[in-house]
Amino acid sequence: MQFVSPGGETIAAIATAPGRGGVGIVRISGPGAARIGAEITRRTIPPRKAIFTSFLDQGGRAIDSGIALFFPGPASFTGDDVIELQGHGGPVVLDMLLERALAEGARLARPGEFSERAYLNGKIDLTQAEAIADLIDAASREAARGAMRSIEGAFSAEVTPLVDELTQLRMLVEACIDFPEEDIDSLADHDVLEQIDTLLARIATIENTARSGRLLRDGMNVLIAGKPNAGKSSLLNALAGDSVAIVSAIPGTTRDLIRERILIDGIPIHVTDTAGLRESPDEIEQEGIRRALHEAEQADVLLLVVDSSAKDDPDAILNDHFHGVFQNLPPVCVILNKCDLSGLTPGNQKSDRHHCVALSALSGAGMDALRTALRDIVGLTPSGGGGFSARRRHLDALARARGALEDARSTLVSKAGSELLAEDLRLAQQCVGEITGQLSPDELLGKIFSSFCIGK
């Protein structure tokens, strides 16, 4: 069913980035788009045929000249009639052209309103709409490829069948509740259990892919921590390929957080160096250590740097300094630094508890193994696979759906009642449906589209 905007409003906005450029575009969408385009050009714009024409003000004077395009709805991006006026990319010229469209009855579009109309008109689902913004904001080729796969429907193709299957399973359970006296060809308890287990496995698989997609979009947050003089700042410099942090033999040189953004195989990595972990009477250093512990809870990976020549115990450091947040720590990769002094072979080392890499931040030996370990720890692979762009809200929805399904499984096993089972399935269905927008509250939609740029 096609969405009709309140009052049949026509919206307009500059669709190209602010600043000067060779080409600038004013986009108009809504029931009045064709009329406004005809008023500005003083000619009928044929459907899907580019015409070169003048863009005129209300007095008939030329504002600019360029290309006019008309896409009749519903076969347009928004599903409504769309006019695009492509002129020269000067900000004054584009402002004059936009003012002309507004004077003819259009109103200024809200951020993301064109994409919102495409979603409401059923042209795209919510993951595809968000992927448009992700493609625009992509900070790497990998992120751009992941966003494009989401636009093409890769994420939706995983989620939509889940909603359908949860709906069918919920309908069956509720039918058994509503018509217990009827001879309904229902599934035996163990078959329902098998279906729930299958859904849980599929959600886990989607979560893994979505987690990688979120990291491609937002970047991986990597925290470097360790005792003073373990080589943390040297490691940051080695990863960044530049002297971004001061390196000194004096303990406590780094007191605040030092952040650097790098790319590893096209994956954005946000690296944070922290103050050395030790007992210190210095209030500034104590604050730096407190910030380091707080950052550890927000990181995707913790690089715990130890001086391999001093034979420090990584687990002792974790227990001594992270005991308050130990359960909330991200995956830990122990960096056995100064392997050139200790005699360790650079590269991956065996460890029962953590990823472990021996390297020399000074010489660079073992750095390739660390870069590979970072990808492996969070499950990232170079492009070419079937990954897609994802956001934190998607992971949150999947986690809540998994929790509801686990509750459904417990309800079924304990025979706590069909009503409770149906409610657990409803909650799981609701959570999964939020991802593509099949079951999304209005406030969620408003929050999502308000983060888009104007004109998109």
Protein backbone atom coordinates (compact mmCIF):
# COMPACT_ATOMS: atom_id res chain seq x y z
CA MET A 1 0.00 0.00 0.00
CA GLN A 2 1.42 3.37 -1.00
CA PHE A 3 2.02 5.88 1.77
CA VAL A 4 0.38 9.28 1.34
CA SER A 5 2.15 12.08 3.23
CA PRO A 6 0.01 14.27 5.51
CA GLY A 7 -1.83 16.84 3.40
CA GLY A 8 -0.17 15.56 0.23
CA GLU A 9 2.92 17.61 1.00
CA THR A 10 5.68 18.14 -1.56
CA ILE A 11 9.19 18.41 -0.15
CA ALA A 12 12.38 19.90 -1.59
CA ALA A 13 16.03 20.07 -0.57
CA ILE A 14 19.54 20.43 -1.94
CA ALA A 15 20.72 16.86 -2.43
CA THR A 16 24.43 17.52 -2.92
CA ALA A 17 27.00 18.28 -0.25
CA PRO A 18 27.52 21.87 0.96
CA GLY A 19 30.24 23.87 -0.77
CA ARG A 20 31.24 24.57 -4.34
CA GLY A 21 31.26 21.93 -7.07
CA GLY A 22 30.76 21.39 -10.75
CA VAL A 23 27.22 20.07 -10.28
CA GLY A 24 24.55 20.68 -7.66
CA ILE A 25 21.15 18.98 -7.39
CA VAL A 26 17.84 20.18 -5.99
CA ARG A 27 15.45 17.28 -5.38
CA ILE A 28 11.67 17.68 -5.21
CA SER A 29 9.30 14.86 -4.20
CA GLY A 30 5.54 14.71 -3.79
CA PRO A 31 2.28 15.21 -5.65
CA GLY A 32 3.25 18.75 -6.69
CA ALA A 33 6.72 17.89 -8.00
CA ALA A 34 5.80 17.80 -11.71
CA ARG A 35 3.91 21.09 -11.48
CA ILE A 36 6.78 22.81 -9.66
CA GLY A 37 9.27 21.49 -12.20
CA ALA A 38 7.13 22.84 -15.03
CA GLU A 39 6.86 26.26 -13.33
CA ILE A 40 10.64 26.53 -12.88
CA THR A 41 11.50 25.40 -16.43
CA ARG A 42 8.40 26.79 -18.20
CA ARG A 43 8.10 23.50 -20.06
CA THR A 44 6.73 20.01 -19.58
CA ILE A 45 9.42 17.64 -18.38
CA PRO A 46 8.95 14.19 -19.98
CA PRO A 47 9.23 11.10 -17.77
CA ARG A 48 12.71 9.54 -17.49
CA LYS A 49 14.27 11.67 -20.18
CA ALA A 50 17.04 14.14 -19.39
CA ILE A 51 16.43 17.57 -20.92
CA PHE A 52 18.73 20.58 -20.93
CA THR A 53 16.79 23.67 -19.93
CA SER A 54 16.90 26.99 -18.11
CA PHE A 55 15.77 27.32 -14.51
CA LEU A 56 13.77 30.54 -14.16
CA ASP A 57 12.71 32.74 -11.26
CA GLN A 58 9.13 33.96 -10.86
CA GLY A 59 9.84 36.92 -13.13
CA GLY A 60 11.12 34.70 -15.92
CA ARG A 61 14.80 35.56 -15.43
CA ALA A 62 17.32 32.72 -15.61
CA ILE A 63 18.67 31.50 -12.29
CA ASP A 64 20.78 28.79 -13.89
CA SER A 65 20.71 26.24 -16.68
CA GLY A 66 21.15 22.50 -16.45
CA ILE A 67 19.44 19.13 -16.68
CA ALA A 68 15.89 18.37 -15.48
CA LEU A 69 14.70 14.82 -14.78
CA PHE A 70 11.21 13.60 -13.91
CA PHE A 71 10.52 10.22 -12.27
CA PRO A 72 6.76 9.60 -11.91
CA GLY A 73 5.69 7.62 -8.88
CA PRO A 74 5.51 4.91 -7.84
CA ALA A 75 8.55 3.98 -9.98
CA SER A 76 10.85 6.46 -8.25
CA PHE A 77 13.21 6.41 -5.30
CA THR A 78 10.62 7.77 -2.85
CA GLY A 79 7.57 6.17 -4.51
CA ASP A 80 6.15 9.67 -5.11
CA ASP A 81 6.67 11.88 -8.16
CA VAL A 82 10.27 13.12 -8.11
CA ILE A 83 11.91 16.00 -9.96
CA GLU A 84 15.67 16.53 -9.98
CA LEU A 85 17.13 19.83 -11.16
CA GLN A 86 20.84 19.44 -11.84
CA GLY A 87 22.59 22.78 -12.17
CA HIS A 88 25.93 24.30 -11.28
CA GLY A 89 27.19 23.55 -7.79
CA GLY A 90 27.54 27.04 -6.33
CA PRO A 91 25.83 27.51 -2.95
CA VAL A 92 24.18 30.81 -3.94
CA VAL A 93 22.76 29.36 -7.17
CA LEU A 94 21.42 26.27 -5.38
CA ASP A 95 19.87 28.36 -2.62
CA MET A 96 18.09 30.49 -5.23
CA LEU A 97 16.83 27.37 -7.00
CA LEU A 98 15.61 25.85 -3.73
CA GLU A 99 13.87 29.09 -2.76
CA ARG A 100 12.10 29.01 -6.12
CA ALA A 101 10.78 25.49 -5.41
CA LEU A 102 9.63 26.54 -1.94
CA ALA A 103 7.88 29.60 -3.38
CA GLU A 104 5.88 27.27 -5.65
CA GLY A 105 4.46 25.34 -2.69
CA ALA A 106 7.08 22.82 -1.61
CA ARG A 107 8.37 22.78 1.95
CA LEU A 108 11.92 22.17 3.09
CA ALA A 109 12.55 18.47 3.67
CA ARG A 110 13.60 17.20 7.07
CA PRO A 111 16.88 15.26 7.38
CA GLY A 112 16.38 11.83 5.80
CA GLU A 113 12.82 12.54 4.69
CA PHE A 114 13.33 11.34 1.11
CA SER A 115 14.62 7.98 2.38
CA GLU A 116 11.86 7.91 4.99
CA ARG A 117 9.23 8.27 2.26
CA ALA A 118 10.91 5.49 0.29
CA TYR A 119 10.62 3.29 3.38
CA LEU A 120 7.02 4.26 4.13
CA ASN A 121 6.05 3.69 0.50
CA GLY A 122 7.51 0.18 0.60
CA LYS A 123 10.36 0.90 -1.82
CA ILE A 124 12.99 -0.16 0.71
CA ASP A 125 12.98 -1.63 4.20
CA LEU A 126 14.61 -0.08 7.25
CA THR A 127 17.97 -1.86 6.92
CA GLN A 128 18.24 -0.69 3.31
CA ALA A 129 17.34 2.87 4.30
CA GLU A 130 20.02 2.88 7.01
CA ALA A 131 22.52 1.38 4.58
CA ILE A 132 22.06 4.39 2.28
CA ALA A 133 23.32 6.63 5.08
CA ASP A 134 26.08 4.12 5.85
CA LEU A 135 27.21 4.16 2.22
CA ILE A 136 27.41 7.96 2.27
CA ASP A 137 29.34 7.92 5.57
CA ALA A 138 31.58 4.95 4.70
CA ALA A 139 35.14 5.58 5.88
CA SER A 140 36.70 2.68 3.99
CA ARG A 141 36.16 0.55 0.91
CA GLU A 142 35.19 -2.39 3.09
CA ALA A 143 32.51 -0.32 4.82
CA ALA A 144 31.21 0.91 1.45
CA ARG A 145 30.98 -2.65 0.09
CA GLY A 146 29.16 -3.81 3.22
CA ALA A 147 26.69 -0.93 2.97
CA MET A 148 26.07 -1.70 -0.70
CA ARG A 149 25.31 -5.33 0.12
CA SER A 150 22.74 -4.16 2.67
CA ILE A 151 21.19 -1.80 0.11
CA GLU A 152 20.93 -4.78 -2.25
CA GLY A 153 19.03 -6.65 0.47
CA ALA A 154 21.64 -9.04 1.93
CA PHE A 155 20.74 -8.22 5.54
CA SER A 156 16.99 -8.22 4.83
CA ALA A 157 17.29 -11.64 3.18
CA GLU A 158 18.58 -13.04 6.48
CA VAL A 159 16.06 -11.32 8.77
CA THR A 160 12.76 -11.45 6.85
CA PRO A 161 12.47 -15.29 6.85
CA LEU A 162 13.07 -15.24 10.63
CA VAL A 163 10.06 -12.97 11.12
CA ASP A 164 7.94 -15.21 8.91
CA GLU A 165 8.95 -18.39 10.74
CA LEU A 166 8.42 -16.82 14.16
CA THR A 167 5.00 -15.66 13.00
CA GLN A 168 4.03 -19.16 11.85
CA LEU A 169 5.26 -20.76 15.07
CA ARG A 170 3.46 -18.17 17.18
CA MET A 171 0.22 -18.65 15.21
CA LEU A 172 0.36 -22.39 15.82
CA VAL A 173 0.89 -21.98 19.57
CA GLU A 174 -1.90 -19.41 19.85
CA ALA A 175 -4.25 -21.60 17.81
CA CYS A 176 -3.67 -24.41 20.29
CA ILE A 177 -4.55 -21.98 23.09
CA ASP A 178 -7.69 -20.62 21.42
CA PHE A 179 -9.07 -23.96 20.18
CA PRO A 180 -7.94 -26.68 22.59
CA GLU A 181 -11.00 -28.78 21.79
CA GLU A 182 -10.27 -28.86 18.06
CA ASP A 183 -8.20 -31.58 16.46
CA ILE A 184 -5.49 -29.24 15.24
CA ASP A 185 -2.61 -30.81 13.37
CA SER A 186 -0.11 -29.29 15.75
CA LEU A 187 3.52 -30.04 16.27
CA ALA A 188 4.61 -32.23 19.13
CA ASP A 189 6.57 -30.50 21.88
CA HIS A 190 9.89 -31.87 20.68
CA ASP A 191 9.23 -30.53 17.14
CA VAL A 192 8.55 -27.06 18.53
CA LEU A 193 11.74 -27.36 20.54
CA GLU A 194 13.62 -28.33 17.40
CA GLN A 195 12.25 -25.28 15.58
CA ILE A 196 13.26 -22.98 18.43
CA ASP A 197 16.77 -24.47 18.47
CA THR A 198 17.04 -23.97 14.71
CA LEU A 199 15.97 -20.33 15.05
CA LEU A 200 18.47 -19.78 17.86
CA ALA A 201 21.27 -21.17 15.70
CA ARG A 202 20.31 -18.93 12.81
CA ILE A 203 20.16 -15.85 15.03
CA ALA A 204 23.63 -16.66 16.34
CA THR A 205 24.94 -16.84 12.75
CA ILE A 206 23.29 -13.54 11.82
CA GLU A 207 24.67 -11.95 15.00
CA ASN A 208 28.21 -12.92 14.03
CA THR A 209 27.84 -11.42 10.56
CA ALA A 210 26.09 -8.31 11.90
CA ARG A 211 28.82 -7.84 14.50
CA SER A 212 31.40 -7.78 11.73
CA GLY A 213 29.17 -5.41 9.75
CA ARG A 214 28.92 -3.07 12.74
CA LEU A 215 32.70 -3.03 13.05
CA LEU A 216 33.09 -2.29 9.34
CA ARG A 217 30.70 0.64 9.75
CA ASP A 218 31.83 2.07 13.09
CA GLY A 219 35.36 0.72 13.25
CA MET A 220 37.00 -1.53 15.83
CA ASN A 221 37.80 0.08 19.19
CA VAL A 222 41.17 -1.21 20.38
CA LEU A 223 42.55 -0.30 23.80
CA ILE A 224 46.26 -0.58 24.59
CA ALA A 225 46.94 -1.18 28.28
CA GLY A 226 49.77 -2.50 30.41
CA LYS A 227 52.36 -1.61 33.02
CA PRO A 228 54.66 1.41 32.55
CA ASN A 229 57.52 0.93 30.09
CA ALA A 230 55.98 -2.23 28.60
CA GLY A 231 56.02 -0.55 25.19
CA LYS A 232 52.42 0.65 24.84
CA SER A 233 53.25 3.95 23.14
CA SER A 234 55.77 2.23 20.88
CA LEU A 235 53.05 -0.22 19.86
CA LEU A 236 50.66 2.65 19.05
CA ASN A 237 53.35 4.28 16.92
CA ALA A 238 54.05 0.99 15.14
CA LEU A 239 50.35 0.46 14.36
CA ALA A 240 49.92 4.06 13.20
CA GLY A 241 53.15 4.10 11.20
CA ASP A 242 54.02 7.46 12.77
CA SER A 243 55.31 8.94 16.03
CA VAL A 244 51.95 9.93 17.43
CA ALA A 245 52.86 9.20 21.07
CA ILE A 246 55.90 10.23 23.10
CA VAL A 247 58.18 7.29 23.89
CA SER A 248 60.36 7.59 26.97
CA ALA A 249 62.12 5.35 29.46
CA ILE A 250 60.63 7.49 32.24
CA PRO A 251 57.64 5.66 33.79
CA GLY A 252 54.32 7.51 33.62
CA THR A 253 55.04 9.47 30.43
CA THR A 254 51.53 8.79 29.09
CA ARG A 255 48.95 10.20 31.50
CA ASP A 256 45.90 10.83 29.34
CA LEU A 257 44.21 8.86 26.57
CA ILE A 258 45.89 9.13 23.16
CA ARG A 259 43.66 8.19 20.24
CA GLU A 260 44.61 7.37 16.67
CA ARG A 261 42.59 6.09 13.72
CA ILE A 262 44.23 3.62 11.33
CA LEU A 263 43.14 1.20 8.61
CA ILE A 264 43.99 -2.51 8.58
CA ASP A 265 42.98 -4.19 5.31
CA GLY A 266 40.38 -1.46 4.81
CA ILE A 267 38.92 -1.89 8.31
CA PRO A 268 38.82 1.26 10.49
CA ILE A 269 40.64 0.74 13.77
CA HIS A 270 40.29 3.29 16.59
CA VAL A 271 43.35 2.73 18.80
CA THR A 272 43.62 4.26 22.28
CA ASP A 273 46.85 4.34 24.28
CA THR A 274 46.47 4.64 28.04
CA ALA A 275 48.43 5.48 31.16
CA GLY A 276 50.60 2.71 32.57
CA LEU A 277 48.90 0.50 35.17
CA ARG A 278 50.59 0.93 38.53
CA GLU A 279 50.07 2.34 42.02
CA SER A 280 50.95 6.03 41.88
CA PRO A 281 50.63 8.96 44.33
CA ASP A 282 50.31 11.36 41.38
CA GLU A 283 46.67 12.51 41.10
CA ILE A 284 46.93 13.19 37.36
CA GLU A 285 48.39 9.75 36.72
CA GLN A 286 45.70 8.17 38.91
CA GLU A 287 43.03 9.85 36.79
CA GLY A 288 44.72 8.55 33.64
CA ILE A 289 44.65 5.00 35.04
CA ARG A 290 40.99 5.40 36.02
CA ARG A 291 40.16 6.45 32.47
CA ALA A 292 42.06 3.47 31.11
CA LEU A 293 39.95 1.08 33.20
CA HIS A 294 36.74 2.79 32.05
CA GLU A 295 37.78 2.61 28.39
CA ALA A 296 38.42 -1.12 28.73
CA GLU A 297 34.69 -1.73 29.18
CA GLN A 298 33.89 0.14 25.94
CA ALA A 299 36.55 -1.51 23.75
CA ASP A 300 36.10 -4.31 21.23
CA VAL A 301 39.60 -5.66 21.90
CA LEU A 302 42.02 -5.10 24.78
CA LEU A 303 45.70 -5.29 23.84
CA LEU A 304 47.50 -6.07 27.10
CA VAL A 305 51.15 -5.23 26.52
CA VAL A 306 53.72 -7.00 28.69
CA ASP A 307 57.49 -6.85 28.65
CA SER A 308 58.40 -10.39 27.61
CA SER A 309 62.00 -9.85 28.77
CA ALA A 310 60.71 -9.13 32.31
CA LYS A 311 58.49 -12.25 32.30
CA ASP A 312 55.43 -10.38 33.62
CA ASP A 313 52.31 -12.48 34.25
CA PRO A 314 49.38 -11.19 32.06
CA ASP A 315 46.70 -12.79 34.26
CA ALA A 316 48.21 -11.22 37.37
CA ILE A 317 48.06 -7.78 35.69
CA LEU A 318 44.44 -8.35 34.70
CA ASN A 319 43.48 -9.43 38.21
CA ASP A 320 45.44 -6.67 39.92
CA HIS A 321 44.13 -3.80 37.82
CA PHE A 322 40.92 -4.98 36.16
CA HIS A 323 39.38 -6.99 39.00
CA GLY A 324 36.44 -4.57 39.31
CA VAL A 325 35.53 -4.86 35.62
CA PHE A 326 37.02 -8.25 34.83
CA GLN A 327 33.68 -9.81 33.85
CA ASN A 328 32.97 -6.93 31.44
CA LEU A 329 36.29 -7.01 29.64
CA PRO A 330 36.35 -7.45 25.86
CA PRO A 331 38.45 -10.21 24.27
CA VAL A 332 42.06 -9.86 25.43
CA CYS A 333 45.08 -10.17 23.17
CA VAL A 334 48.31 -10.41 25.14
CA ILE A 335 51.19 -8.63 23.41
CA LEU A 336 54.54 -10.13 24.40
CA ASN A 337 56.57 -7.07 23.48
CA LYS A 338 60.37 -6.81 23.20
CA CYS A 339 60.66 -10.29 21.76
CA ASP A 340 64.02 -9.18 20.32
CA LEU A 341 65.30 -8.99 23.92
CA SER A 342 63.58 -12.09 25.31
CA GLY A 343 64.38 -14.36 22.38
CA LEU A 344 60.76 -15.25 21.62
CA THR A 345 59.92 -16.03 18.02
CA PRO A 346 57.76 -13.22 16.56
CA GLY A 347 54.19 -14.29 15.76
CA ASN A 348 51.32 -16.12 17.42
CA GLN A 349 52.09 -17.88 20.69
CA LYS A 350 50.14 -20.67 22.37
CA SER A 351 47.91 -19.67 25.28
CA ASP A 352 45.04 -21.45 26.99
CA ARG A 353 43.16 -18.27 27.93
CA HIS A 354 43.94 -15.47 25.48
CA HIS A 355 45.15 -14.68 22.01
CA CYS A 356 48.89 -14.14 22.36
CA VAL A 357 51.30 -12.47 19.94
CA ALA A 358 55.05 -12.01 20.38
CA LEU A 359 56.46 -8.95 18.65
CA SER A 360 58.88 -6.08 18.79
CA ALA A 361 57.17 -2.71 18.51
CA LEU A 362 60.60 -1.16 18.00
CA SER A 363 61.73 -3.29 15.03
CA GLY A 364 58.27 -4.16 13.68
CA ALA A 365 58.81 -7.93 13.90
CA GLY A 366 55.50 -9.72 14.51
CA MET A 367 53.30 -6.71 13.63
CA ASP A 368 51.70 -8.56 10.69
CA ALA A 369 50.68 -11.35 13.08
CA LEU A 370 49.06 -8.76 15.36
CA ARG A 371 47.08 -7.25 12.47
CA THR A 372 45.82 -10.71 11.52
CA ALA A 373 44.99 -11.49 15.16
CA LEU A 374 42.91 -8.31 15.47
CA ARG A 375 40.77 -9.37 12.51
CA ASP A 376 40.45 -12.93 13.78
CA ILE A 377 39.49 -11.96 17.34
CA VAL A 378 36.36 -10.10 16.22
CA GLY A 379 35.61 -12.35 13.26
CA LEU A 380 36.41 -9.84 10.52
CA THR A 381 37.45 -11.05 7.11
CA PRO A 382 38.57 -9.05 4.07
CA SER A 383 35.87 -8.25 1.57
CA GLY A 384 34.45 -10.62 -0.95
CA GLY A 385 32.24 -12.54 1.46
CA GLY A 386 28.57 -12.16 2.12
CA GLY A 387 28.84 -9.57 4.89
CA PHE A 388 26.65 -6.51 5.20
CA SER A 389 26.50 -3.20 7.01
CA ALA A 390 24.92 -3.28 10.46
CA ARG A 391 24.40 -1.01 13.44
CA ARG A 392 24.41 -1.33 17.21
CA ARG A 393 20.61 -1.25 17.28
CA HIS A 394 20.53 -4.33 15.03
CA LEU A 395 22.81 -6.22 17.41
CA ASP A 396 20.68 -5.12 20.36
CA ALA A 397 17.50 -6.31 18.63
CA LEU A 398 19.10 -9.67 17.76
CA ALA A 399 20.32 -10.11 21.34
CA ARG A 400 16.84 -9.38 22.72
CA ALA A 401 15.29 -11.78 20.21
CA ARG A 402 17.76 -14.49 21.22
CA GLY A 403 16.94 -13.89 24.89
CA ALA A 404 13.20 -14.17 24.22
CA LEU A 405 13.70 -17.41 22.28
CA GLU A 406 15.83 -18.83 25.08
CA ASP A 407 12.99 -17.97 27.48
CA ALA A 408 10.56 -19.70 25.09
CA ARG A 409 12.75 -22.78 25.13
CA SER A 410 12.83 -22.82 28.94
CA THR A 411 9.06 -22.31 29.07
CA LEU A 412 8.53 -25.25 26.73
CA VAL A 413 10.93 -27.57 28.56
CA SER A 414 9.45 -26.74 31.96
CA LYS A 415 5.88 -26.97 30.58
CA ALA A 416 5.11 -23.61 32.21
CA GLY A 417 2.16 -22.97 29.91
CA SER A 418 1.29 -22.24 26.28
CA GLU A 419 0.33 -18.64 27.12
CA LEU A 420 3.84 -17.89 28.38
CA LEU A 421 5.33 -19.64 25.36
CA ALA A 422 3.21 -17.52 23.00
CA GLU A 423 4.30 -14.33 24.77
CA ASP A 424 7.99 -15.28 24.51
CA LEU A 425 7.54 -15.91 20.79
CA ARG A 426 5.72 -12.59 20.39
CA LEU A 427 8.61 -10.75 22.00
CA ALA A 428 11.12 -12.52 19.76
CA GLN A 429 9.04 -11.68 16.69
CA GLN A 430 8.80 -8.03 17.78
CA CYS A 431 12.57 -7.73 18.26
CA VAL A 432 13.46 -9.25 14.89
CA GLY A 433 10.77 -7.20 13.16
CA GLU A 434 12.35 -3.98 14.48
CA ILE A 435 15.42 -4.61 12.34
CA THR A 436 13.78 -4.30 8.93
CA GLY A 437 10.98 -2.06 10.17
CA GLN A 438 8.20 -4.64 9.82
CA LEU A 439 7.33 -4.02 13.48
CA SER A 440 8.94 -0.70 14.42
CA PRO A 441 7.57 1.97 16.76
CA ASP A 442 7.27 5.50 15.36
CA GLU A 443 9.80 6.96 17.79
CA LEU A 444 12.44 4.53 16.50
CA LEU A 445 11.79 5.61 12.91
CA GLY A 446 12.07 9.27 13.86
CA LYS A 447 15.37 8.71 15.60
CA ILE A 448 16.83 6.76 12.68
CA PHE A 449 15.90 9.14 9.87
CA SER A 450 16.82 12.28 11.82
CA SER A 451 20.46 11.17 11.65
CA PHE A 452 20.44 11.33 7.81
CA CYS A 453 21.73 14.30 5.85
CA ILE A 454 19.21 16.73 4.37
CA GLY A 455 18.40 15.88 0.76
CA LYS A 456 18.63 12.10 1.38
